[in-house]
PDB file of N, CA and C in Angstrom:
ATOM      1  N   MET A   1      16.409 -14.829  28.627  1.00  0.00           N
ATOM      2  CA  MET A   1      16.583 -14.943  27.198  1.00  0.00           C
ATOM      3  C   MET A   1      17.404 -16.205  26.918  1.00  0.00           C
ATOM      4  N   PHE A   2      16.935 -16.966  25.929  1.00  0.00           N
ATOM      5  CA  PHE A   2      17.644 -18.174  25.544  1.00  0.00           C
ATOM      6  C   PHE A   2      18.701 -17.831  24.510  1.00  0.00           C
ATOM      7  N   ALA A   3      19.926 -18.295  24.723  1.00  0.00           N
ATOM      8  CA  ALA A   3      20.997 -18.002  23.776  1.00  0.00           C
ATOM      9  C   ALA A   3      22.129 -19.008  23.939  1.00  0.00           C
ATOM     10  N   THR A   4      22.916 -19.115  22.875  1.00  0.00           N
ATOM     11  CA  THR A   4      24.160 -19.884  22.927  1.00  0.00           C
ATOM     12  C   THR A   4      25.281 -18.913  22.591  1.00  0.00           C
ATOM     13  N   ASP A   5      26.462 -19.420  22.280  1.00  0.00           N
ATOM     14  CA  ASP A   5      27.608 -18.543  22.053  1.00  0.00           C
ATOM     15  C   ASP A   5      27.428 -17.577  20.890  1.00  0.00           C
ATOM     16  N   GLY A   6      26.749 -17.930  19.836  1.00  0.00           N
ATOM     17  CA  GLY A   6      26.598 -17.008  18.704  1.00  0.00           C
ATOM     18  C   GLY A   6      25.156 -16.845  18.261  1.00  0.00           C
ATOM     19  N   ILE A   7      24.252 -17.552  18.901  1.00  0.00           N
ATOM     20  CA  ILE A   7      22.859 -17.556  18.455  1.00  0.00           C
ATOM     21  C   ILE A   7      21.954 -17.160  19.615  1.00  0.00           C
ATOM     22  N   ALA A   8      21.043 -16.240  19.352  1.00  0.00           N
ATOM     23  CA  ALA A   8      20.071 -15.832  20.370  1.00  0.00           C
ATOM     24  C   ALA A   8      18.669 -16.023  19.814  1.00  0.00           C
ATOM     25  N   LEU A   9      17.734 -16.302  20.678  1.00  0.00           N
ATOM     26  CA  LEU A   9      16.337 -16.473  20.295  1.00  0.00           C
ATOM     27  C   LEU A   9      15.772 -15.125  19.879  1.00  0.00           C
ATOM     28  N   LEU A  10      15.124 -15.093  18.741  1.00  0.00           N
ATOM     29  CA  LEU A  10      14.539 -13.859  18.226  1.00  0.00           C
ATOM     30  C   LEU A  10      13.299 -13.501  19.027  1.00  0.00           C
ATOM     31  N   ARG A  11      13.255 -12.256  19.452  1.00  0.00           N
ATOM     32  CA  ARG A  11      12.093 -11.785  20.217  1.00  0.00           C
ATOM     33  C   ARG A  11      11.160 -11.048  19.262  1.00  0.00           C
ATOM     34  N   VAL A  12       9.895 -11.391  19.293  1.00  0.00           N
ATOM     35  CA  VAL A  12       8.921 -10.774  18.405  1.00  0.00           C
ATOM     36  C   VAL A  12       7.806 -10.067  19.181  1.00  0.00           C
ATOM     37  N   ASP A  13       8.048  -9.790  20.440  1.00  0.00           N
ATOM     38  CA  ASP A  13       7.006  -9.167  21.253  1.00  0.00           C
ATOM     39  C   ASP A  13       6.745  -7.710  20.868  1.00  0.00           C
ATOM     40  N   HIS A  14       7.617  -7.091  20.078  1.00  0.00           N
ATOM     41  CA  HIS A  14       7.412  -5.710  19.660  1.00  0.00           C
ATOM     42  C   HIS A  14       6.595  -5.611  18.372  1.00  0.00           C
ATOM     43  N   ILE A  15       6.332  -6.739  17.696  1.00  0.00           N
ATOM     44  CA  ILE A  15       5.561  -6.741  16.448  1.00  0.00           C
ATOM     45  C   ILE A  15       4.074  -6.742  16.799  1.00  0.00           C
ATOM     46  N   PRO A  16       3.325  -5.756  16.307  1.00  0.00           N
ATOM     47  CA  PRO A  16       1.901  -5.696  16.659  1.00  0.00           C
ATOM     48  C   PRO A  16       1.105  -6.797  15.956  1.00  0.00           C
ATOM     49  N   ILE A  17       0.037  -7.233  16.602  1.00  0.00           N
ATOM     50  CA  ILE A  17      -0.860  -8.222  16.019  1.00  0.00           C
ATOM     51  C   ILE A  17      -1.907  -7.470  15.201  1.00  0.00           C
ATOM     52  N   VAL A  18      -2.044  -7.842  13.936  1.00  0.00           N
ATOM     53  CA  VAL A  18      -3.023  -7.209  13.056  1.00  0.00           C
ATOM     54  C   VAL A  18      -4.177  -8.181  12.886  1.00  0.00           C
ATOM     55  N   ARG A  19      -5.345  -7.788  13.318  1.00  0.00           N
ATOM     56  CA  ARG A  19      -6.525  -8.643  13.262  1.00  0.00           C
ATOM     57  C   ARG A  19      -7.241  -8.497  11.929  1.00  0.00           C
ATOM     58  N   HIS A  20      -7.894  -9.551  11.505  1.00  0.00           N
ATOM     59  CA  HIS A  20      -8.692  -9.533  10.288  1.00  0.00           C
ATOM     60  C   HIS A  20     -10.020  -8.842  10.581  1.00  0.00           C
ATOM     61  N   ILE A  21     -10.421  -7.953   9.711  1.00  0.00           N
ATOM     62  CA  ILE A  21     -11.712  -7.282   9.863  1.00  0.00           C
ATOM     63  C   ILE A  21     -12.713  -8.011   8.986  1.00  0.00           C
ATOM     64  N   LYS A  22     -13.799  -8.450   9.587  1.00  0.00           N
ATOM     65  CA  LYS A  22     -14.778  -9.250   8.870  1.00  0.00           C
ATOM     66  C   LYS A  22     -15.533  -8.415   7.832  1.00  0.00           C
ATOM     67  N   VAL A  23     -15.885  -9.069   6.741  1.00  0.00           N
ATOM     68  CA  VAL A  23     -16.694  -8.449   5.698  1.00  0.00           C
ATOM     69  C   VAL A  23     -18.142  -8.475   6.147  1.00  0.00           C
ATOM     70  N   GLN A  24     -18.858  -7.386   5.893  1.00  0.00           N
ATOM     71  CA  GLN A  24     -20.281  -7.365   6.214  1.00  0.00           C
ATOM     72  C   GLN A  24     -21.005  -8.338   5.289  1.00  0.00           C
ATOM     73  N   MET A  25     -21.861  -9.164   5.836  1.00  0.00           N
ATOM     74  CA  MET A  25     -22.525 -10.195   5.049  1.00  0.00           C
ATOM     75  C   MET A  25     -23.678  -9.647   4.203  1.00  0.00           C
ATOM     76  N   ASN A  26     -24.128  -8.439   4.475  1.00  0.00           N
ATOM     77  CA  ASN A  26     -25.275  -7.901   3.740  1.00  0.00           C
ATOM     78  C   ASN A  26     -24.859  -6.991   2.577  1.00  0.00           C
ATOM     79  N   VAL A  27     -23.586  -6.998   2.176  1.00  0.00           N
ATOM     80  CA  VAL A  27     -23.134  -6.168   1.064  1.00  0.00           C
ATOM     81  C   VAL A  27     -22.813  -7.042  -0.144  1.00  0.00           C
ATOM     82  N   ASN A  28     -23.012  -6.476  -1.317  1.00  0.00           N
ATOM     83  CA  ASN A  28     -22.788  -7.171  -2.571  1.00  0.00           C
ATOM     84  C   ASN A  28     -21.621  -6.491  -3.286  1.00  0.00           C
ATOM     85  N   PRO A  29     -20.580  -7.242  -3.697  1.00  0.00           N
ATOM     86  CA  PRO A  29     -19.422  -6.607  -4.328  1.00  0.00           C
ATOM     87  C   PRO A  29     -19.749  -5.929  -5.659  1.00  0.00           C
ATOM     88  N   TYR A  30     -20.851  -6.295  -6.292  1.00  0.00           N
ATOM     89  CA  TYR A  30     -21.229  -5.685  -7.559  1.00  0.00           C
ATOM     90  C   TYR A  30     -22.079  -4.428  -7.370  1.00  0.00           C
ATOM     91  N   ILE A  31     -22.744  -4.330  -6.246  1.00  0.00           N
ATOM     92  CA  ILE A  31     -23.610  -3.175  -5.980  1.00  0.00           C
ATOM     93  C   ILE A  31     -22.928  -2.180  -5.052  1.00  0.00           C
ATOM     94  N   ASP A  32     -22.318  -2.663  -3.991  1.00  0.00           N
ATOM     95  CA  ASP A  32     -21.694  -1.809  -2.973  1.00  0.00           C
ATOM     96  C   ASP A  32     -20.207  -1.637  -3.255  1.00  0.00           C
ATOM     97  N   VAL A  33     -19.879  -1.074  -4.392  1.00  0.00           N
ATOM     98  CA  VAL A  33     -18.488  -0.922  -4.823  1.00  0.00           C
ATOM     99  C   VAL A  33     -17.720   0.001  -3.883  1.00  0.00           C
ATOM    100  N   GLU A  34     -18.357   1.046  -3.404  1.00  0.00           N
ATOM    101  CA  GLU A  34     -17.695   2.006  -2.505  1.00  0.00           C
ATOM    102  C   GLU A  34     -17.250   1.343  -1.208  1.00  0.00           C
ATOM    103  N   TYR A  35     -18.057   0.434  -0.683  1.00  0.00           N
ATOM    104  CA  TYR A  35     -17.716  -0.263   0.560  1.00  0.00           C
ATOM    105  C   TYR A  35     -16.414  -1.046   0.382  1.00  0.00           C
ATOM    106  N   PHE A  36     -16.301  -1.777  -0.719  1.00  0.00           N
ATOM    107  CA  PHE A  36     -15.111  -2.595  -0.937  1.00  0.00           C
ATOM    108  C   PHE A  36     -13.896  -1.748  -1.290  1.00  0.00           C
ATOM    109  N   ALA A  37     -14.097  -0.629  -1.966  1.00  0.00           N
ATOM    110  CA  ALA A  37     -12.979   0.283  -2.243  1.00  0.00           C
ATOM    111  C   ALA A  37     -12.452   0.875  -0.940  1.00  0.00           C
ATOM    112  N   GLU A  38     -13.362   1.215  -0.025  1.00  0.00           N
ATOM    113  CA  GLU A  38     -12.959   1.756   1.281  1.00  0.00           C
ATOM    114  C   GLU A  38     -12.211   0.708   2.093  1.00  0.00           C
ATOM    115  N   ARG A  39     -12.632  -0.562   2.003  1.00  0.00           N
ATOM    116  CA  ARG A  39     -11.924  -1.644   2.701  1.00  0.00           C
ATOM    117  C   ARG A  39     -10.502  -1.780   2.194  1.00  0.00           C
ATOM    118  N   LYS A  40     -10.317  -1.710   0.866  1.00  0.00           N
ATOM    119  CA  LYS A  40      -8.984  -1.805   0.284  1.00  0.00           C
ATOM    120  C   LYS A  40      -8.110  -0.648   0.746  1.00  0.00           C
ATOM    121  N   PHE A  41      -8.695   0.556   0.787  1.00  0.00           N
ATOM    122  CA  PHE A  41      -7.943   1.731   1.233  1.00  0.00           C
ATOM    123  C   PHE A  41      -7.498   1.566   2.686  1.00  0.00           C
ATOM    124  N   LYS A  42      -8.407   1.171   3.551  1.00  0.00           N
ATOM    125  CA  LYS A  42      -8.082   1.006   4.976  1.00  0.00           C
ATOM    126  C   LYS A  42      -7.058  -0.107   5.197  1.00  0.00           C
ATOM    127  N   ARG A  43      -7.146  -1.166   4.394  1.00  0.00           N
ATOM    128  CA  ARG A  43      -6.173  -2.256   4.504  1.00  0.00           C
ATOM    129  C   ARG A  43      -4.775  -1.747   4.163  1.00  0.00           C
ATOM    130  N   GLY A  44      -4.682  -0.919   3.128  1.00  0.00           N
ATOM    131  CA  GLY A  44      -3.407  -0.326   2.763  1.00  0.00           C
ATOM    132  C   GLY A  44      -2.876   0.587   3.850  1.00  0.00           C
ATOM    133  N   MET A  45      -3.759   1.353   4.477  1.00  0.00           N
ATOM    134  CA  MET A  45      -3.350   2.258   5.549  1.00  0.00           C
ATOM    135  C   MET A  45      -2.798   1.479   6.743  1.00  0.00           C
ATOM    136  N   ARG A  46      -3.348   0.299   7.010  1.00  0.00           N
ATOM    137  CA  ARG A  46      -2.849  -0.516   8.121  1.00  0.00           C
ATOM    138  C   ARG A  46      -1.516  -1.168   7.800  1.00  0.00           C
ATOM    139  N   ARG A  47      -1.291  -1.533   6.547  1.00  0.00           N
ATOM    140  CA  ARG A  47      -0.093  -2.285   6.171  1.00  0.00           C
ATOM    141  C   ARG A  47       1.122  -1.416   5.883  1.00  0.00           C
ATOM    142  N   LEU A  48       0.923  -0.203   5.409  1.00  0.00           N
ATOM    143  CA  LEU A  48       2.043   0.657   5.032  1.00  0.00           C
ATOM    144  C   LEU A  48       2.475   1.537   6.189  1.00  0.00           C
ATOM    145  N   SER A  49       3.682   2.075   6.072  1.00  0.00           N
ATOM    146  CA  SER A  49       4.168   2.992   7.098  1.00  0.00           C
ATOM    147  C   SER A  49       5.073   4.024   6.447  1.00  0.00           C
ATOM    148  N   GLY A  50       5.357   5.059   7.180  1.00  0.00           N
ATOM    149  CA  GLY A  50       6.273   6.099   6.720  1.00  0.00           C
ATOM    150  C   GLY A  50       5.754   6.866   5.521  1.00  0.00           C
ATOM    151  N   ARG A  51       6.671   7.226   4.629  1.00  0.00           N
ATOM    152  CA  ARG A  51       6.284   8.042   3.476  1.00  0.00           C
ATOM    153  C   ARG A  51       5.398   7.272   2.512  1.00  0.00           C
ATOM    154  N   PHE A  52       5.513   5.933   2.468  1.00  0.00           N
ATOM    155  CA  PHE A  52       4.675   5.138   1.591  1.00  0.00           C
ATOM    156  C   PHE A  52       3.208   5.205   2.026  1.00  0.00           C
ATOM    157  N   LYS A  53       3.000   5.298   3.326  1.00  0.00           N
ATOM    158  CA  LYS A  53       1.645   5.457   3.844  1.00  0.00           C
ATOM    159  C   LYS A  53       1.089   6.832   3.455  1.00  0.00           C
ATOM    160  N   HIS A  54       1.932   7.853   3.474  1.00  0.00           N
ATOM    161  CA  HIS A  54       1.498   9.198   3.085  1.00  0.00           C
ATOM    162  C   HIS A  54       1.138   9.244   1.605  1.00  0.00           C
ATOM    163  N   VAL A  55       1.905   8.552   0.771  1.00  0.00           N
ATOM    164  CA  VAL A  55       1.600   8.490  -0.668  1.00  0.00           C
ATOM    165  C   VAL A  55       0.264   7.792  -0.879  1.00  0.00           C
ATOM    166  N   TRP A  56       0.059   6.672  -0.191  1.00  0.00           N
ATOM    167  CA  TRP A  56      -1.193   5.905  -0.285  1.00  0.00           C
ATOM    168  C   TRP A  56      -2.383   6.767   0.128  1.00  0.00           C
ATOM    169  N   GLU A  57      -2.226   7.493   1.228  1.00  0.00           N
ATOM    170  CA  GLU A  57      -3.315   8.339   1.751  1.00  0.00           C
ATOM    171  C   GLU A  57      -3.607   9.495   0.804  1.00  0.00           C
ATOM    172  N   LYS A  58      -2.566  10.099   0.247  1.00  0.00           N
ATOM    173  CA  LYS A  58      -2.732  11.231  -0.659  1.00  0.00           C
ATOM    174  C   LYS A  58      -3.507  10.822  -1.911  1.00  0.00           C
ATOM    175  N   GLN A  59      -3.315   9.590  -2.374  1.00  0.00           N
ATOM    176  CA  GLN A  59      -3.987   9.097  -3.567  1.00  0.00           C
ATOM    177  C   GLN A  59      -5.308   8.392  -3.266  1.00  0.00           C
ATOM    178  N   ASN A  60      -5.688   8.288  -2.020  1.00  0.00           N
ATOM    179  CA  ASN A  60      -6.891   7.561  -1.602  1.00  0.00           C
ATOM    180  C   ASN A  60      -6.862   6.107  -2.061  1.00  0.00           C
ATOM    181  N   GLY A  61      -5.669   5.521  -2.145  1.00  0.00           N
ATOM    182  CA  GLY A  61      -5.541   4.117  -2.516  1.00  0.00           C
ATOM    183  C   GLY A  61      -5.875   3.822  -3.962  1.00  0.00           C
ATOM    184  N   LYS A  62      -5.767   4.826  -4.836  1.00  0.00           N
ATOM    185  CA  LYS A  62      -6.099   4.643  -6.256  1.00  0.00           C
ATOM    186  C   LYS A  62      -4.861   4.841  -7.118  1.00  0.00           C
ATOM    187  N   CYS A  63      -4.862   4.175  -8.267  1.00  0.00           N
ATOM    188  CA  CYS A  63      -3.755   4.277  -9.216  1.00  0.00           C
ATOM    189  C   CYS A  63      -3.660   5.706  -9.745  1.00  0.00           C
ATOM    190  N   PHE A  64      -2.454   6.207  -9.866  1.00  0.00           N
ATOM    191  CA  PHE A  64      -2.226   7.573 -10.347  1.00  0.00           C
ATOM    192  C   PHE A  64      -2.666   7.735 -11.799  1.00  0.00           C
ATOM    193  N   HIS A  65      -2.504   6.681 -12.607  1.00  0.00           N
ATOM    194  CA  HIS A  65      -2.825   6.783 -14.028  1.00  0.00           C
ATOM    195  C   HIS A  65      -4.294   6.492 -14.333  1.00  0.00           C
ATOM    196  N   CYS A  66      -4.816   5.352 -13.871  1.00  0.00           N
ATOM    197  CA  CYS A  66      -6.172   4.946 -14.260  1.00  0.00           C
ATOM    198  C   CYS A  66      -7.235   5.276 -13.221  1.00  0.00           C
ATOM    199  N   ARG A  67      -6.832   5.706 -12.016  1.00  0.00           N
ATOM    200  CA  ARG A  67      -7.741   6.083 -10.926  1.00  0.00           C
ATOM    201  C   ARG A  67      -8.603   4.927 -10.415  1.00  0.00           C
ATOM    202  N   MET A  68      -8.229   3.689 -10.728  1.00  0.00           N
ATOM    203  CA  MET A  68      -8.917   2.511 -10.203  1.00  0.00           C
ATOM    204  C   MET A  68      -8.292   2.157  -8.848  1.00  0.00           C
ATOM    205  N   PRO A  69      -9.075   1.569  -7.933  1.00  0.00           N
ATOM    206  CA  PRO A  69      -8.521   1.230  -6.618  1.00  0.00           C
ATOM    207  C   PRO A  69      -7.372   0.226  -6.716  1.00  0.00           C
ATOM    208  N   LEU A  70      -6.367   0.458  -5.911  1.00  0.00           N
ATOM    209  CA  LEU A  70      -5.237  -0.462  -5.787  1.00  0.00           C
ATOM    210  C   LEU A  70      -5.495  -1.393  -4.622  1.00  0.00           C
ATOM    211  N   ASP A  71      -5.072  -2.624  -4.750  1.00  0.00           N
ATOM    212  CA  ASP A  71      -5.116  -3.560  -3.635  1.00  0.00           C
ATOM    213  C   ASP A  71      -3.702  -3.657  -3.097  1.00  0.00           C
ATOM    214  N   ILE A  72      -3.546  -3.564  -1.802  1.00  0.00           N
ATOM    215  CA  ILE A  72      -2.229  -3.555  -1.185  1.00  0.00           C
ATOM    216  C   ILE A  72      -1.483  -4.872  -1.446  1.00  0.00           C
ATOM    217  N   MET A  73      -2.219  -5.954  -1.720  1.00  0.00           N
ATOM    218  CA  MET A  73      -1.591  -7.253  -1.933  1.00  0.00           C
ATOM    219  C   MET A  73      -1.164  -7.460  -3.392  1.00  0.00           C
ATOM    220  N   GLU A  74      -1.648  -6.628  -4.328  1.00  0.00           N
ATOM    221  CA  GLU A  74      -1.258  -6.808  -5.724  1.00  0.00           C
ATOM    222  C   GLU A  74       0.031  -6.045  -6.009  1.00  0.00           C
ATOM    223  N   GLU A  75       0.654  -6.389  -7.135  1.00  0.00           N
ATOM    224  CA  GLU A  75       1.908  -5.738  -7.484  1.00  0.00           C
ATOM    225  C   GLU A  75       1.647  -4.305  -7.917  1.00  0.00           C
ATOM    226  N   ARG A  76       2.444  -3.410  -7.398  1.00  0.00           N
ATOM    227  CA  ARG A  76       2.320  -1.991  -7.719  1.00  0.00           C
ATOM    228  C   ARG A  76       3.719  -1.408  -7.776  1.00  0.00           C
ATOM    229  N   THR A  77       3.822  -0.248  -8.366  1.00  0.00           N
ATOM    230  CA  THR A  77       5.117   0.393  -8.557  1.00  0.00           C
ATOM    231  C   THR A  77       5.042   1.818  -8.054  1.00  0.00           C
ATOM    232  N   ILE A  78       6.152   2.305  -7.527  1.00  0.00           N
ATOM    233  CA  ILE A  78       6.240   3.723  -7.198  1.00  0.00           C
ATOM    234  C   ILE A  78       6.618   4.456  -8.474  1.00  0.00           C
ATOM    235  N   TYR A  79       5.805   5.413  -8.849  1.00  0.00           N
ATOM    236  CA  TYR A  79       6.009   6.216 -10.057  1.00  0.00           C
ATOM    237  C   TYR A  79       6.475   7.600  -9.616  1.00  0.00           C
ATOM    238  N   PHE A  80       7.497   8.111 -10.256  1.00  0.00           N
ATOM    239  CA  PHE A  80       7.982   9.448  -9.939  1.00  0.00           C
ATOM    240  C   PHE A  80       7.439  10.419 -10.986  1.00  0.00           C
ATOM    241  N   LYS A  81       6.662  11.389 -10.540  1.00  0.00           N
ATOM    242  CA  LYS A  81       6.030  12.349 -11.459  1.00  0.00           C
ATOM    243  C   LYS A  81       7.090  13.102 -12.260  1.00  0.00           C
ATOM    244  N   THR A  82       8.128  13.554 -11.594  1.00  0.00           N
ATOM    245  CA  THR A  82       9.303  14.095 -12.264  1.00  0.00           C
ATOM    246  C   THR A  82      10.392  13.036 -12.111  1.00  0.00           C
ATOM    247  N   PRO A  83      10.787  12.374 -13.202  1.00  0.00           N
ATOM    248  CA  PRO A  83      11.759  11.275 -13.095  1.00  0.00           C
ATOM    249  C   PRO A  83      13.053  11.706 -12.409  1.00  0.00           C
ATOM    250  N   LYS A  84      13.669  10.758 -11.726  1.00  0.00           N
ATOM    251  CA  LYS A  84      14.932  11.042 -11.039  1.00  0.00           C
ATOM    252  C   LYS A  84      16.003  11.488 -12.024  1.00  0.00           C
ATOM    253  N   SER A  85      15.946  10.946 -13.242  1.00  0.00           N
ATOM    254  CA  SER A  85      16.939  11.316 -14.257  1.00  0.00           C
ATOM    255  C   SER A  85      16.814  12.781 -14.681  1.00  0.00           C
ATOM    256  N   GLU A  86      15.640  13.370 -14.433  1.00  0.00           N
ATOM    257  CA  GLU A  86      15.417  14.780 -14.767  1.00  0.00           C
ATOM    258  C   GLU A  86      15.451  15.677 -13.528  1.00  0.00           C
ATOM    259  N   GLY A  87      16.002  15.175 -12.451  1.00  0.00           N
ATOM    260  CA  GLY A  87      16.152  15.970 -11.239  1.00  0.00           C
ATOM    261  C   GLY A  87      15.057  15.767 -10.204  1.00  0.00           C
ATOM    262  N   GLY A  88      14.159  14.808 -10.407  1.00  0.00           N
ATOM    263  CA  GLY A  88      13.113  14.522  -9.432  1.00  0.00           C
ATOM    264  C   GLY A  88      13.677  13.932  -8.157  1.00  0.00           C
ATOM    265  N   GLN A  89      13.013  14.205  -7.060  1.00  0.00           N
ATOM    266  CA  GLN A  89      13.488  13.726  -5.763  1.00  0.00           C
ATOM    267  C   GLN A  89      12.559  12.658  -5.220  1.00  0.00           C
ATOM    268  N   GLU A  90      13.080  11.882  -4.273  1.00  0.00           N
ATOM    269  CA  GLU A  90      12.276  10.857  -3.611  1.00  0.00           C
ATOM    270  C   GLU A  90      11.539  11.475  -2.433  1.00  0.00           C
ATOM    271  N   ILE A  91      10.577  12.339  -2.744  1.00  0.00           N
ATOM    272  CA  ILE A  91       9.750  12.959  -1.708  1.00  0.00           C
ATOM    273  C   ILE A  91       8.297  12.609  -2.004  1.00  0.00           C
ATOM    274  N   VAL A  92       7.465  12.694  -0.994  1.00  0.00           N
ATOM    275  CA  VAL A  92       6.070  12.271  -1.099  1.00  0.00           C
ATOM    276  C   VAL A  92       5.331  13.004  -2.219  1.00  0.00           C
ATOM    277  N   THR A  93       5.594  14.276  -2.403  1.00  0.00           N
ATOM    278  CA  THR A  93       4.867  15.030  -3.428  1.00  0.00           C
ATOM    279  C   THR A  93       5.260  14.618  -4.843  1.00  0.00           C
ATOM    280  N   ASN A  94       6.395  13.942  -5.012  1.00  0.00           N
ATOM    281  CA  ASN A  94       6.832  13.504  -6.329  1.00  0.00           C
ATOM    282  C   ASN A  94       6.550  12.021  -6.567  1.00  0.00           C
ATOM    283  N   MET A  95       6.065  11.302  -5.555  1.00  0.00           N
ATOM    284  CA  MET A  95       5.847   9.862  -5.654  1.00  0.00           C
ATOM    285  C   MET A  95       4.367   9.552  -5.813  1.00  0.00           C
ATOM    286  N   ALA A  96       4.077   8.457  -6.529  1.00  0.00           N
ATOM    287  CA  ALA A  96       2.703   7.998  -6.697  1.00  0.00           C
ATOM    288  C   ALA A  96       2.711   6.488  -6.913  1.00  0.00           C
ATOM    289  N   TYR A  97       1.666   5.817  -6.426  1.00  0.00           N
ATOM    290  CA  TYR A  97       1.498   4.388  -6.667  1.00  0.00           C
ATOM    291  C   TYR A  97       0.763   4.193  -7.980  1.00  0.00           C
ATOM    292  N   VAL A  98       1.210   3.219  -8.774  1.00  0.00           N
ATOM    293  CA  VAL A  98       0.534   2.857 -10.016  1.00  0.00           C
ATOM    294  C   VAL A  98       0.518   1.333 -10.149  1.00  0.00           C
ATOM    295  N   HIS A  99      -0.465   0.807 -10.885  1.00  0.00           N
ATOM    296  CA  HIS A  99      -0.458  -0.611 -11.227  1.00  0.00           C
ATOM    297  C   HIS A  99       0.753  -0.872 -12.119  1.00  0.00           C
ATOM    298  N   ASN A 100       1.322  -2.050 -12.035  1.00  0.00           N
ATOM    299  CA  ASN A 100       2.443  -2.390 -12.910  1.00  0.00           C
ATOM    300  C   ASN A 100       2.039  -2.277 -14.375  1.00  0.00           C
ATOM    301  N   TYR A 101       0.821  -2.713 -14.694  1.00  0.00           N
ATOM    302  CA  TYR A 101       0.330  -2.662 -16.067  1.00  0.00           C
ATOM    303  C   TYR A 101       0.222  -1.207 -16.545  1.00  0.00           C
ATOM    304  N   CYS A 102      -0.326  -0.346 -15.726  1.00  0.00           N
ATOM    305  CA  CYS A 102      -0.457   1.078 -16.087  1.00  0.00           C
ATOM    306  C   CYS A 102       0.908   1.721 -16.265  1.00  0.00           C
ATOM    307  N   ASN A 103       1.871   1.299 -15.475  1.00  0.00           N
ATOM    308  CA  ASN A 103       3.219   1.872 -15.573  1.00  0.00           C
ATOM    309  C   ASN A 103       3.868   1.520 -16.899  1.00  0.00           C
ATOM    310  N   THR A 104       3.659   0.288 -17.375  1.00  0.00           N
ATOM    311  CA  THR A 104       4.245  -0.102 -18.652  1.00  0.00           C
ATOM    312  C   THR A 104       3.579   0.620 -19.815  1.00  0.00           C
ATOM    313  N   LEU A 105       2.280   0.918 -19.697  1.00  0.00           N
ATOM    314  CA  LEU A 105       1.558   1.617 -20.763  1.00  0.00           C
ATOM    315  C   LEU A 105       1.954   3.079 -20.864  1.00  0.00           C
ATOM    316  N   ASN A 106       2.308   3.702 -19.739  1.00  0.00           N
ATOM    317  CA  ASN A 106       2.569   5.128 -19.706  1.00  0.00           C
ATOM    318  C   ASN A 106       4.049   5.483 -19.777  1.00  0.00           C
ATOM    319  N   LYS A 107       4.895   4.561 -20.133  1.00  0.00           N
ATOM    320  CA  LYS A 107       6.330   4.870 -20.255  1.00  0.00           C
ATOM    321  C   LYS A 107       6.639   5.430 -21.594  1.00  0.00           C
TER     322      LYS A 107
END
């Protein structure tokens, strides 16, 4: 290991390599909507971990309010079905992903 008195080289060998999954060339985004929705869901499942992954899986990668597919790369918010101010807890059954836009409309 390379190091000096206060600085050590960061080891990244424990970080898994995530490969890009190719898009099928014979699908049309306007016709094969289910294929692309499934890709977005699987991408979210690969990127998330812990309870956030369980929330994503429980919702099938769709917004809690509008039921449209969420993209893991777009901005989203954790919505608490029972607000914390009213005694809601930070548990998977009380959490849901929503689009930022949907969250502002439903407040």
